[in-house]
Amino acid sequence: CRVCKGEGWIEVLGCGLVDPFLLEWVNYDPERYSGFAFG
């Protein structure tokens, strides 16, 4: 339709699993902890 520009899907946000680099920066153990983030 017009809202989705004929694609049927609408892009909403970006996301992913937290890069271990960030966990190491804050002294979290990346072998023990994992996470996700979105915006």
PDB file of all heavy atoms in Angstrom:
ATOM      1  N   CYS A   1       0.853  -1.190   0.000  1.00  0.00           N
ATOM      2  CA  CYS A   1       0.000   0.000   0.000  1.00  0.00           C
ATOM      3  C   CYS A   1       0.889   1.240   0.000  1.00  0.00           C
ATOM      4  O   CYS A   1       2.116   1.153  -0.058  1.00  0.00           O
ATOM      5  CB  CYS A   1      -0.940   0.004   1.212  1.00  0.00           C
ATOM      6  SG  CYS A   1      -0.082   0.189   2.789  1.00  0.00           S
ATOM      7  N   ARG A   2       0.253   2.405   0.089  1.00  0.00           N
ATOM      8  CA  ARG A   2       0.996   3.661   0.068  1.00  0.00           C
ATOM      9  C   ARG A   2       1.893   3.799   1.284  1.00  0.00           C
ATOM     10  O   ARG A   2       3.007   4.323   1.207  1.00  0.00           O
ATOM     11  CB  ARG A   2       0.003   4.828   0.024  1.00  0.00           C
ATOM     12  CG  ARG A   2       0.667   6.194   0.006  1.00  0.00           C
ATOM     13  CD  ARG A   2      -0.379   7.295  -0.021  1.00  0.00           C
ATOM     14  NE  ARG A   2      -1.255   7.210   1.146  1.00  0.00           N
ATOM     15  CZ  ARG A   2      -0.968   7.751   2.343  1.00  0.00           C
ATOM     16  NH1 ARG A   2       0.179   8.386   2.513  1.00  0.00           N
ATOM     17  NH2 ARG A   2      -1.813   7.655   3.335  1.00  0.00           N
ATOM     18  N   VAL A   3       1.425   3.345   2.445  1.00  0.00           N
ATOM     19  CA  VAL A   3       2.198   3.499   3.680  1.00  0.00           C
ATOM     20  C   VAL A   3       3.515   2.730   3.612  1.00  0.00           C
ATOM     21  O   VAL A   3       4.574   3.233   3.983  1.00  0.00           O
ATOM     22  CB  VAL A   3       1.366   3.058   4.899  1.00  0.00           C
ATOM     23  CG1 VAL A   3       2.218   3.094   6.170  1.00  0.00           C
ATOM     24  CG2 VAL A   3       0.132   3.945   5.065  1.00  0.00           C
ATOM     25  N   CYS A   4       3.465   1.501   3.134  1.00  0.00           N
ATOM     26  CA  CYS A   4       4.681   0.669   3.057  1.00  0.00           C
ATOM     27  C   CYS A   4       5.355   0.758   1.691  1.00  0.00           C
ATOM     28  O   CYS A   4       6.279   0.000   1.394  1.00  0.00           O
ATOM     29  CB  CYS A   4       4.354  -0.782   3.385  1.00  0.00           C
ATOM     30  SG  CYS A   4       3.209  -1.563   2.224  1.00  0.00           S
ATOM     31  N   LYS A   5       4.862   1.671   0.837  1.00  0.00           N
ATOM     32  CA  LYS A   5       5.411   1.884  -0.504  1.00  0.00           C
ATOM     33  C   LYS A   5       5.387   0.612  -1.345  1.00  0.00           C
ATOM     34  O   LYS A   5       6.290   0.330  -2.122  1.00  0.00           O
ATOM     35  CB  LYS A   5       6.842   2.424  -0.415  1.00  0.00           C
ATOM     36  CG  LYS A   5       6.922   3.767   0.288  1.00  0.00           C
ATOM     37  CD  LYS A   5       8.341   4.273   0.384  1.00  0.00           C
ATOM     38  CE  LYS A   5       8.388   5.614   1.114  1.00  0.00           C
ATOM     39  NZ  LYS A   5       9.775   6.126   1.249  1.00  0.00           N
ATOM     40  N   GLY A   6       4.316  -0.161  -1.141  1.00  0.00           N
ATOM     41  CA  GLY A   6       4.103  -1.356  -1.944  1.00  0.00           C
ATOM     42  C   GLY A   6       4.919  -2.561  -1.540  1.00  0.00           C
ATOM     43  O   GLY A   6       4.795  -3.623  -2.167  1.00  0.00           O
ATOM     44  N   GLU A   7       5.724  -2.463  -0.488  1.00  0.00           N
ATOM     45  CA  GLU A   7       6.594  -3.569  -0.107  1.00  0.00           C
ATOM     46  C   GLU A   7       5.951  -4.532   0.877  1.00  0.00           C
ATOM     47  O   GLU A   7       6.401  -5.674   1.017  1.00  0.00           O
ATOM     48  CB  GLU A   7       7.895  -3.029   0.495  1.00  0.00           C
ATOM     49  CG  GLU A   7       8.732  -2.222  -0.495  1.00  0.00           C
ATOM     50  CD  GLU A   7      10.037  -1.773   0.117  1.00  0.00           C
ATOM     51  OE1 GLU A   7      10.278  -2.100   1.300  1.00  0.00           O
ATOM     52  OE2 GLU A   7      10.821  -1.091  -0.570  1.00  0.00           O
ATOM     53  N   GLY A   8       4.938  -4.097   1.587  1.00  0.00           N
ATOM     54  CA  GLY A   8       4.297  -4.969   2.563  1.00  0.00           C
ATOM     55  C   GLY A   8       4.989  -4.989   3.909  1.00  0.00           C
ATOM     56  O   GLY A   8       4.487  -5.590   4.856  1.00  0.00           O
ATOM     57  N   TRP A   9       6.177  -4.333   4.006  1.00  0.00           N
ATOM     58  CA  TRP A   9       6.947  -4.301   5.246  1.00  0.00           C
ATOM     59  C   TRP A   9       7.389  -2.862   5.528  1.00  0.00           C
ATOM     60  O   TRP A   9       7.587  -2.070   4.611  1.00  0.00           O
ATOM     61  CB  TRP A   9       8.183  -5.194   5.159  1.00  0.00           C
ATOM     62  CG  TRP A   9       7.865  -6.645   4.990  1.00  0.00           C
ATOM     63  CD1 TRP A   9       7.675  -7.314   3.808  1.00  0.00           C
ATOM     64  CD2 TRP A   9       7.676  -7.598   6.024  1.00  0.00           C
ATOM     65  NE1 TRP A   9       7.389  -8.628   4.041  1.00  0.00           N
ATOM     66  CE2 TRP A   9       7.382  -8.839   5.410  1.00  0.00           C
ATOM     67  CE3 TRP A   9       7.733  -7.539   7.416  1.00  0.00           C
ATOM     68  CZ2 TRP A   9       7.148  -9.994   6.135  1.00  0.00           C
ATOM     69  CZ3 TRP A   9       7.496  -8.703   8.141  1.00  0.00           C
ATOM     70  CH2 TRP A   9       7.207  -9.903   7.505  1.00  0.00           C
ATOM     71  N   ILE A  10       7.560  -2.556   6.816  1.00  0.00           N
ATOM     72  CA  ILE A  10       7.989  -1.230   7.232  1.00  0.00           C
ATOM     73  C   ILE A  10       9.201  -1.365   8.152  1.00  0.00           C
ATOM     74  O   ILE A  10       9.149  -2.095   9.149  1.00  0.00           O
ATOM     75  CB  ILE A  10       6.862  -0.481   7.975  1.00  0.00           C
ATOM     76  CG1 ILE A  10       5.656  -0.272   7.050  1.00  0.00           C
ATOM     77  CG2 ILE A  10       7.358   0.857   8.497  1.00  0.00           C
ATOM     78  CD1 ILE A  10       4.457   0.330   7.745  1.00  0.00           C
ATOM     79  N   GLU A  11      10.280  -0.684   7.795  1.00  0.00           N
ATOM     80  CA  GLU A  11      11.472  -0.700   8.647  1.00  0.00           C
ATOM     81  C   GLU A  11      11.196   0.099   9.923  1.00  0.00           C
ATOM     82  O   GLU A  11      10.726   1.222   9.868  1.00  0.00           O
ATOM     83  CB  GLU A  11      12.657  -0.089   7.906  1.00  0.00           C
ATOM     84  CG  GLU A  11      13.922  -0.011   8.725  1.00  0.00           C
ATOM     85  CD  GLU A  11      15.029   0.723   8.001  1.00  0.00           C
ATOM     86  OE1 GLU A  11      15.078   0.676   6.747  1.00  0.00           O
ATOM     87  OE2 GLU A  11      15.837   1.378   8.682  1.00  0.00           O
ATOM     88  N   VAL A  12      11.518  -0.510  11.068  1.00  0.00           N
ATOM     89  CA  VAL A  12      11.163   0.095  12.342  1.00  0.00           C
ATOM     90  C   VAL A  12      12.382   0.464  13.181  1.00  0.00           C
ATOM     91  O   VAL A  12      12.460   1.559  13.734  1.00  0.00           O
ATOM     92  CB  VAL A  12      10.242  -0.846  13.155  1.00  0.00           C
ATOM     93  CG1 VAL A  12       9.990  -0.288  14.544  1.00  0.00           C
ATOM     94  CG2 VAL A  12       8.922  -1.046  12.429  1.00  0.00           C
ATOM     95  N   LEU A  13      13.374  -0.430  13.267  1.00  0.00           N
ATOM     96  CA  LEU A  13      14.477  -0.173  14.190  1.00  0.00           C
ATOM     97  C   LEU A  13      15.694  -1.002  13.829  1.00  0.00           C
ATOM     98  O   LEU A  13      15.621  -1.928  13.011  1.00  0.00           O
ATOM     99  CB  LEU A  13      14.046  -0.452  15.633  1.00  0.00           C
ATOM    100  CG  LEU A  13      13.451  -1.832  15.963  1.00  0.00           C
ATOM    101  CD1 LEU A  13      14.534  -2.887  16.175  1.00  0.00           C
ATOM    102  CD2 LEU A  13      12.580  -1.744  17.211  1.00  0.00           C
ATOM    103  N   GLY A  14      16.822  -0.652  14.470  1.00  0.00           N
ATOM    104  CA  GLY A  14      18.045  -1.428  14.363  1.00  0.00           C
ATOM    105  C   GLY A  14      18.309  -2.152  15.670  1.00  0.00           C
ATOM    106  O   GLY A  14      17.920  -1.684  16.743  1.00  0.00           O
ATOM    107  N   CYS A  15      18.969  -3.291  15.588  1.00  0.00           N
ATOM    108  CA  CYS A  15      19.166  -4.097  16.790  1.00  0.00           C
ATOM    109  C   CYS A  15      20.326  -5.075  16.579  1.00  0.00           C
ATOM    110  O   CYS A  15      20.935  -5.128  15.506  1.00  0.00           O
ATOM    111  CB  CYS A  15      17.895  -4.864  17.136  1.00  0.00           C
ATOM    112  SG  CYS A  15      17.341  -5.983  15.806  1.00  0.00           S
ATOM    113  N   GLY A  16      20.605  -5.847  17.598  1.00  0.00           N
ATOM    114  CA  GLY A  16      21.641  -6.865  17.504  1.00  0.00           C
ATOM    115  C   GLY A  16      22.099  -7.310  18.875  1.00  0.00           C
ATOM    116  O   GLY A  16      21.665  -6.771  19.909  1.00  0.00           O
ATOM    117  N   LEU A  17      22.978  -8.313  18.891  1.00  0.00           N
ATOM    118  CA  LEU A  17      23.575  -8.756  20.147  1.00  0.00           C
ATOM    119  C   LEU A  17      24.730  -7.830  20.507  1.00  0.00           C
ATOM    120  O   LEU A  17      25.478  -7.377  19.633  1.00  0.00           O
ATOM    121  CB  LEU A  17      24.070 -10.196  20.017  1.00  0.00           C
ATOM    122  CG  LEU A  17      22.995 -11.269  19.775  1.00  0.00           C
ATOM    123  CD1 LEU A  17      23.631 -12.658  19.762  1.00  0.00           C
ATOM    124  CD2 LEU A  17      21.899 -11.201  20.839  1.00  0.00           C
ATOM    125  N   VAL A  18      24.864  -7.537  21.784  1.00  0.00           N
ATOM    126  CA  VAL A  18      25.894  -6.619  22.246  1.00  0.00           C
ATOM    127  C   VAL A  18      27.277  -7.162  21.903  1.00  0.00           C
ATOM    128  O   VAL A  18      27.602  -8.317  22.218  1.00  0.00           O
ATOM    129  CB  VAL A  18      25.773  -6.394  23.762  1.00  0.00           C
ATOM    130  CG1 VAL A  18      26.908  -5.499  24.267  1.00  0.00           C
ATOM    131  CG2 VAL A  18      24.421  -5.774  24.108  1.00  0.00           C
ATOM    132  N   ASP A  19      28.076  -6.356  21.239  1.00  0.00           N
ATOM    133  CA  ASP A  19      29.432  -6.762  20.886  1.00  0.00           C
ATOM    134  C   ASP A  19      30.246  -6.986  22.167  1.00  0.00           C
ATOM    135  O   ASP A  19      30.186  -6.173  23.093  1.00  0.00           O
ATOM    136  CB  ASP A  19      30.084  -5.671  20.033  1.00  0.00           C
ATOM    137  CG  ASP A  19      31.365  -6.137  19.363  1.00  0.00           C
ATOM    138  OD1 ASP A  19      32.304  -6.533  20.073  1.00  0.00           O
ATOM    139  OD2 ASP A  19      31.415  -6.094  18.122  1.00  0.00           O
ATOM    140  N   PRO A  20      31.008  -8.087  22.251  1.00  0.00           N
ATOM    141  CA  PRO A  20      31.821  -8.338  23.444  1.00  0.00           C
ATOM    142  C   PRO A  20      32.755  -7.185  23.791  1.00  0.00           C
ATOM    143  O   PRO A  20      33.146  -7.030  24.958  1.00  0.00           O
ATOM    144  CB  PRO A  20      32.610  -9.598  23.062  1.00  0.00           C
ATOM    145  CG  PRO A  20      31.747 -10.286  22.054  1.00  0.00           C
ATOM    146  CD  PRO A  20      31.077  -9.201  21.285  1.00  0.00           C
ATOM    147  N   PHE A  21      33.117  -6.357  22.804  1.00  0.00           N
ATOM    148  CA  PHE A  21      33.972  -5.196  23.066  1.00  0.00           C
ATOM    149  C   PHE A  21      33.352  -4.292  24.130  1.00  0.00           C
ATOM    150  O   PHE A  21      34.050  -3.777  25.018  1.00  0.00           O
ATOM    151  CB  PHE A  21      34.177  -4.408  21.764  1.00  0.00           C
ATOM    152  CG  PHE A  21      34.988  -3.155  21.915  1.00  0.00           C
ATOM    153  CD1 PHE A  21      36.364  -3.179  21.795  1.00  0.00           C
ATOM    154  CD2 PHE A  21      34.371  -1.930  22.192  1.00  0.00           C
ATOM    155  CE1 PHE A  21      37.120  -2.018  21.936  1.00  0.00           C
ATOM    156  CE2 PHE A  21      35.109  -0.768  22.330  1.00  0.00           C
ATOM    157  CZ  PHE A  21      36.492  -0.811  22.209  1.00  0.00           C
ATOM    158  N   LEU A  22      32.035  -4.075  24.059  1.00  0.00           N
ATOM    159  CA  LEU A  22      31.359  -3.226  25.026  1.00  0.00           C
ATOM    160  C   LEU A  22      31.365  -3.859  26.410  1.00  0.00           C
ATOM    161  O   LEU A  22      31.535  -3.172  27.423  1.00  0.00           O
ATOM    162  CB  LEU A  22      29.906  -2.951  24.591  1.00  0.00           C
ATOM    163  CG  LEU A  22      29.675  -1.811  23.595  1.00  0.00           C
ATOM    164  CD1 LEU A  22      30.284  -2.138  22.234  1.00  0.00           C
ATOM    165  CD2 LEU A  22      28.188  -1.499  23.459  1.00  0.00           C
ATOM    166  N   LEU A  23      31.176  -5.193  26.461  1.00  0.00           N
ATOM    167  CA  LEU A  23      31.162  -5.873  27.751  1.00  0.00           C
ATOM    168  C   LEU A  23      32.523  -5.791  28.418  1.00  0.00           C
ATOM    169  O   LEU A  23      32.631  -5.564  29.632  1.00  0.00           O
ATOM    170  CB  LEU A  23      30.736  -7.336  27.557  1.00  0.00           C
ATOM    171  CG  LEU A  23      29.344  -7.548  26.926  1.00  0.00           C
ATOM    172  CD1 LEU A  23      29.074  -9.029  26.734  1.00  0.00           C
ATOM    173  CD2 LEU A  23      28.257  -6.922  27.796  1.00  0.00           C
ATOM    174  N   GLU A  24      33.564  -5.953  27.635  1.00  0.00           N
ATOM    175  CA  GLU A  24      34.909  -5.849  28.195  1.00  0.00           C
ATOM    176  C   GLU A  24      35.209  -4.431  28.661  1.00  0.00           C
ATOM    177  O   GLU A  24      35.918  -4.224  29.652  1.00  0.00           O
ATOM    178  CB  GLU A  24      35.931  -6.300  27.147  1.00  0.00           C
ATOM    179  CG  GLU A  24      35.849  -7.789  26.809  1.00  0.00           C
ATOM    180  CD  GLU A  24      36.781  -8.174  25.684  1.00  0.00           C
ATOM    181  OE1 GLU A  24      37.383  -7.265  25.065  1.00  0.00           O
ATOM    182  OE2 GLU A  24      36.918  -9.382  25.419  1.00  0.00           O
ATOM    183  N   TRP A  25      34.679  -3.439  27.944  1.00  0.00           N
ATOM    184  CA  TRP A  25      34.914  -2.035  28.312  1.00  0.00           C
ATOM    185  C   TRP A  25      34.403  -1.749  29.723  1.00  0.00           C
ATOM    186  O   TRP A  25      35.025  -0.979  30.465  1.00  0.00           O
ATOM    187  CB  TRP A  25      34.235  -1.132  27.299  1.00  0.00           C
ATOM    188  CG  TRP A  25      34.456   0.333  27.541  1.00  0.00           C
ATOM    189  CD1 TRP A  25      33.797   1.123  28.440  1.00  0.00           C
ATOM    190  CD2 TRP A  25      35.416   1.184  26.899  1.00  0.00           C
ATOM    191  NE1 TRP A  25      34.257   2.407  28.392  1.00  0.00           N
ATOM    192  CE2 TRP A  25      35.266   2.476  27.446  1.00  0.00           C
ATOM    193  CE3 TRP A  25      36.358   0.982  25.900  1.00  0.00           C
ATOM    194  CZ2 TRP A  25      36.034   3.557  27.036  1.00  0.00           C
ATOM    195  CZ3 TRP A  25      37.130   2.060  25.491  1.00  0.00           C
ATOM    196  CH2 TRP A  25      36.972   3.335  26.061  1.00  0.00           C
ATOM    197  N   VAL A  26      33.279  -2.338  30.102  1.00  0.00           N
ATOM    198  CA  VAL A  26      32.676  -2.078  31.412  1.00  0.00           C
ATOM    199  C   VAL A  26      33.014  -3.185  32.410  1.00  0.00           C
ATOM    200  O   VAL A  26      32.393  -3.294  33.474  1.00  0.00           O
ATOM    201  CB  VAL A  26      31.147  -1.932  31.282  1.00  0.00           C
ATOM    202  CG1 VAL A  26      30.789  -0.718  30.443  1.00  0.00           C
ATOM    203  CG2 VAL A  26      30.512  -3.191  30.696  1.00  0.00           C
ATOM    204  N   ASN A  27      33.988  -4.028  32.055  1.00  0.00           N
ATOM    205  CA  ASN A  27      34.472  -5.093  32.939  1.00  0.00           C
ATOM    206  C   ASN A  27      33.430  -6.160  33.230  1.00  0.00           C
ATOM    207  O   ASN A  27      33.382  -6.730  34.326  1.00  0.00           O
ATOM    208  CB  ASN A  27      35.004  -4.503  34.256  1.00  0.00           C
ATOM    209  CG  ASN A  27      36.214  -3.608  34.051  1.00  0.00           C
ATOM    210  OD1 ASN A  27      37.098  -3.928  33.249  1.00  0.00           O
ATOM    211  ND2 ASN A  27      36.265  -2.491  34.769  1.00  0.00           N
ATOM    212  N   TYR A  28      32.573  -6.426  32.226  1.00  0.00           N
ATOM    213  CA  TYR A  28      31.703  -7.597  32.291  1.00  0.00           C
ATOM    214  C   TYR A  28      32.440  -8.767  31.640  1.00  0.00           C
ATOM    215  O   TYR A  28      33.154  -8.575  30.642  1.00  0.00           O
ATOM    216  CB  TYR A  28      30.387  -7.362  31.543  1.00  0.00           C
ATOM    217  CG  TYR A  28      29.391  -6.450  32.239  1.00  0.00           C
ATOM    218  CD1 TYR A  28      29.693  -5.791  33.420  1.00  0.00           C
ATOM    219  CD2 TYR A  28      28.119  -6.265  31.697  1.00  0.00           C
ATOM    220  CE1 TYR A  28      28.772  -4.965  34.040  1.00  0.00           C
ATOM    221  CE2 TYR A  28      27.188  -5.435  32.306  1.00  0.00           C
ATOM    222  CZ  TYR A  28      27.519  -4.782  33.472  1.00  0.00           C
ATOM    223  OH  TYR A  28      26.607  -3.971  34.073  1.00  0.00           O
ATOM    224  N   ASP A  29      32.235  -9.942  32.162  1.00  0.00           N
ATOM    225  CA  ASP A  29      32.880 -11.137  31.602  1.00  0.00           C
ATOM    226  C   ASP A  29      32.102 -11.590  30.366  1.00  0.00           C
ATOM    227  O   ASP A  29      30.978 -12.099  30.503  1.00  0.00           O
ATOM    228  CB  ASP A  29      32.911 -12.250  32.644  1.00  0.00           C
ATOM    229  CG  ASP A  29      33.638 -13.492  32.141  1.00  0.00           C
ATOM    230  OD1 ASP A  29      34.106 -13.486  30.979  1.00  0.00           O
ATOM    231  OD2 ASP A  29      33.734 -14.455  32.910  1.00  0.00           O
ATOM    232  N   PRO A  30      32.654 -11.415  29.149  1.00  0.00           N
ATOM    233  CA  PRO A  30      31.906 -11.809  27.946  1.00  0.00           C
ATOM    234  C   PRO A  30      31.731 -13.318  27.802  1.00  0.00           C
ATOM    235  O   PRO A  30      30.900 -13.761  26.999  1.00  0.00           O
ATOM    236  CB  PRO A  30      32.760 -11.243  26.804  1.00  0.00           C
ATOM    237  CG  PRO A  30      34.121 -11.128  27.369  1.00  0.00           C
ATOM    238  CD  PRO A  30      33.967 -10.836  28.823  1.00  0.00           C
ATOM    239  N   GLU A  31      32.499 -14.086  28.574  1.00  0.00           N
ATOM    240  CA  GLU A  31      32.317 -15.541  28.550  1.00  0.00           C
ATOM    241  C   GLU A  31      31.107 -15.960  29.377  1.00  0.00           C
ATOM    242  O   GLU A  31      30.527 -17.027  29.165  1.00  0.00           O
ATOM    243  CB  GLU A  31      33.580 -16.229  29.093  1.00  0.00           C
ATOM    244  CG  GLU A  31      34.826 -15.974  28.276  1.00  0.00           C
ATOM    245  CD  GLU A  31      34.709 -16.538  26.866  1.00  0.00           C
ATOM    246  OE1 GLU A  31      34.050 -17.597  26.697  1.00  0.00           O
ATOM    247  OE2 GLU A  31      35.253 -15.926  25.930  1.00  0.00           O
ATOM    248  N   ARG A  32      30.724 -15.121  30.298  1.00  0.00           N
ATOM    249  CA  ARG A  32      29.589 -15.426  31.185  1.00  0.00           C
ATOM    250  C   ARG A  32      28.322 -14.693  30.769  1.00  0.00           C
ATOM    251  O   ARG A  32      27.218 -15.258  30.853  1.00  0.00           O
ATOM    252  CB  ARG A  32      29.953 -15.061  32.621  1.00  0.00           C
ATOM    253  CG  ARG A  32      28.833 -15.333  33.622  1.00  0.00           C
ATOM    254  CD  ARG A  32      29.259 -14.929  35.025  1.00  0.00           C
ATOM    255  NE  ARG A  32      28.174 -15.123  35.992  1.00  0.00           N
ATOM    256  CZ  ARG A  32      28.224 -14.776  37.279  1.00  0.00           C
ATOM    257  NH1 ARG A  32      29.350 -14.216  37.757  1.00  0.00           N
ATOM    258  NH2 ARG A  32      27.193 -14.969  38.076  1.00  0.00           N
ATOM    259  N   TYR A  33      28.478 -13.443  30.323  1.00  0.00           N
ATOM    260  CA  TYR A  33      27.303 -12.625  30.034  1.00  0.00           C
ATOM    261  C   TYR A  33      27.198 -12.314  28.542  1.00  0.00           C
ATOM    262  O   TYR A  33      28.201 -12.222  27.831  1.00  0.00           O
ATOM    263  CB  TYR A  33      27.374 -11.306  30.805  1.00  0.00           C
ATOM    264  CG  TYR A  33      27.340 -11.472  32.299  1.00  0.00           C
ATOM    265  CD1 TYR A  33      28.493 -11.276  33.056  1.00  0.00           C
ATOM    266  CD2 TYR A  33      26.173 -11.838  32.956  1.00  0.00           C
ATOM    267  CE1 TYR A  33      28.486 -11.428  34.432  1.00  0.00           C
ATOM    268  CE2 TYR A  33      26.154 -11.992  34.340  1.00  0.00           C
ATOM    269  CZ  TYR A  33      27.316 -11.790  35.072  1.00  0.00           C
ATOM    270  OH  TYR A  33      27.293 -11.954  36.425  1.00  0.00           O
ATOM    271  N   SER A  34      25.979 -12.175  28.101  1.00  0.00           N
ATOM    272  CA  SER A  34      25.692 -11.719  26.739  1.00  0.00           C
ATOM    273  C   SER A  34      24.484 -10.797  26.815  1.00  0.00           C
ATOM    274  O   SER A  34      23.844 -10.677  27.860  1.00  0.00           O
ATOM    275  CB  SER A  34      25.408 -12.905  25.804  1.00  0.00           C
ATOM    276  OG  SER A  34      24.303 -13.670  26.294  1.00  0.00           O
ATOM    277  N   GLY A  35      24.182 -10.152  25.719  1.00  0.00           N
ATOM    278  CA  GLY A  35      23.053  -9.236  25.760  1.00  0.00           C
ATOM    279  C   GLY A  35      22.607  -8.811  24.380  1.00  0.00           C
ATOM    280  O   GLY A  35      23.211  -9.182  23.365  1.00  0.00           O
ATOM    281  N   PHE A  36      21.529  -8.053  24.346  1.00  0.00           N
ATOM    282  CA  PHE A  36      21.081  -7.474  23.088  1.00  0.00           C
ATOM    283  C   PHE A  36      20.726  -6.014  23.303  1.00  0.00           C
ATOM    284  O   PHE A  36      20.487  -5.572  24.429  1.00  0.00           O
ATOM    285  CB  PHE A  36      19.903  -8.250  22.488  1.00  0.00           C
ATOM    286  CG  PHE A  36      18.639  -8.249  23.314  1.00  0.00           C
ATOM    287  CD1 PHE A  36      17.812  -7.131  23.402  1.00  0.00           C
ATOM    288  CD2 PHE A  36      18.250  -9.400  24.003  1.00  0.00           C
ATOM    289  CE1 PHE A  36      16.651  -7.144  24.146  1.00  0.00           C
ATOM    290  CE2 PHE A  36      17.086  -9.424  24.758  1.00  0.00           C
ATOM    291  CZ  PHE A  36      16.287  -8.293  24.834  1.00  0.00           C
ATOM    292  N   ALA A  37      20.722  -5.282  22.206  1.00  0.00           N
ATOM    293  CA  ALA A  37      20.370  -3.858  22.237  1.00  0.00           C
ATOM    294  C   ALA A  37      19.553  -3.523  21.006  1.00  0.00           C
ATOM    295  O   ALA A  37      19.648  -4.202  19.977  1.00  0.00           O
ATOM    296  CB  ALA A  37      21.637  -2.993  22.293  1.00  0.00           C
ATOM    297  N   PHE A  38      18.761  -2.485  21.118  1.00  0.00           N
ATOM    298  CA  PHE A  38      17.963  -2.022  19.983  1.00  0.00           C
ATOM    299  C   PHE A  38      17.752  -0.520  20.117  1.00  0.00           C
ATOM    300  O   PHE A  38      17.869   0.042  21.213  1.00  0.00           O
ATOM    301  CB  PHE A  38      16.611  -2.747  19.918  1.00  0.00           C
ATOM    302  CG  PHE A  38      15.801  -2.636  21.174  1.00  0.00           C
ATOM    303  CD1 PHE A  38      14.958  -1.549  21.395  1.00  0.00           C
ATOM    304  CD2 PHE A  38      15.878  -3.622  22.155  1.00  0.00           C
ATOM    305  CE1 PHE A  38      14.212  -1.451  22.552  1.00  0.00           C
ATOM    306  CE2 PHE A  38      15.139  -3.524  23.324  1.00  0.00           C
ATOM    307  CZ  PHE A  38      14.304  -2.439  23.531  1.00  0.00           C
ATOM    308  N   GLY A  39      17.476   0.139  19.012  1.00  0.00           N
ATOM    309  CA  GLY A  39      17.231   1.576  19.028  1.00  0.00           C
ATOM    310  C   GLY A  39      16.261   1.965  17.933  1.00  0.00           C
ATOM    311  O   GLY A  39      16.283   1.403  16.829  1.00  0.00           O
TER     312      GLY A  39
END
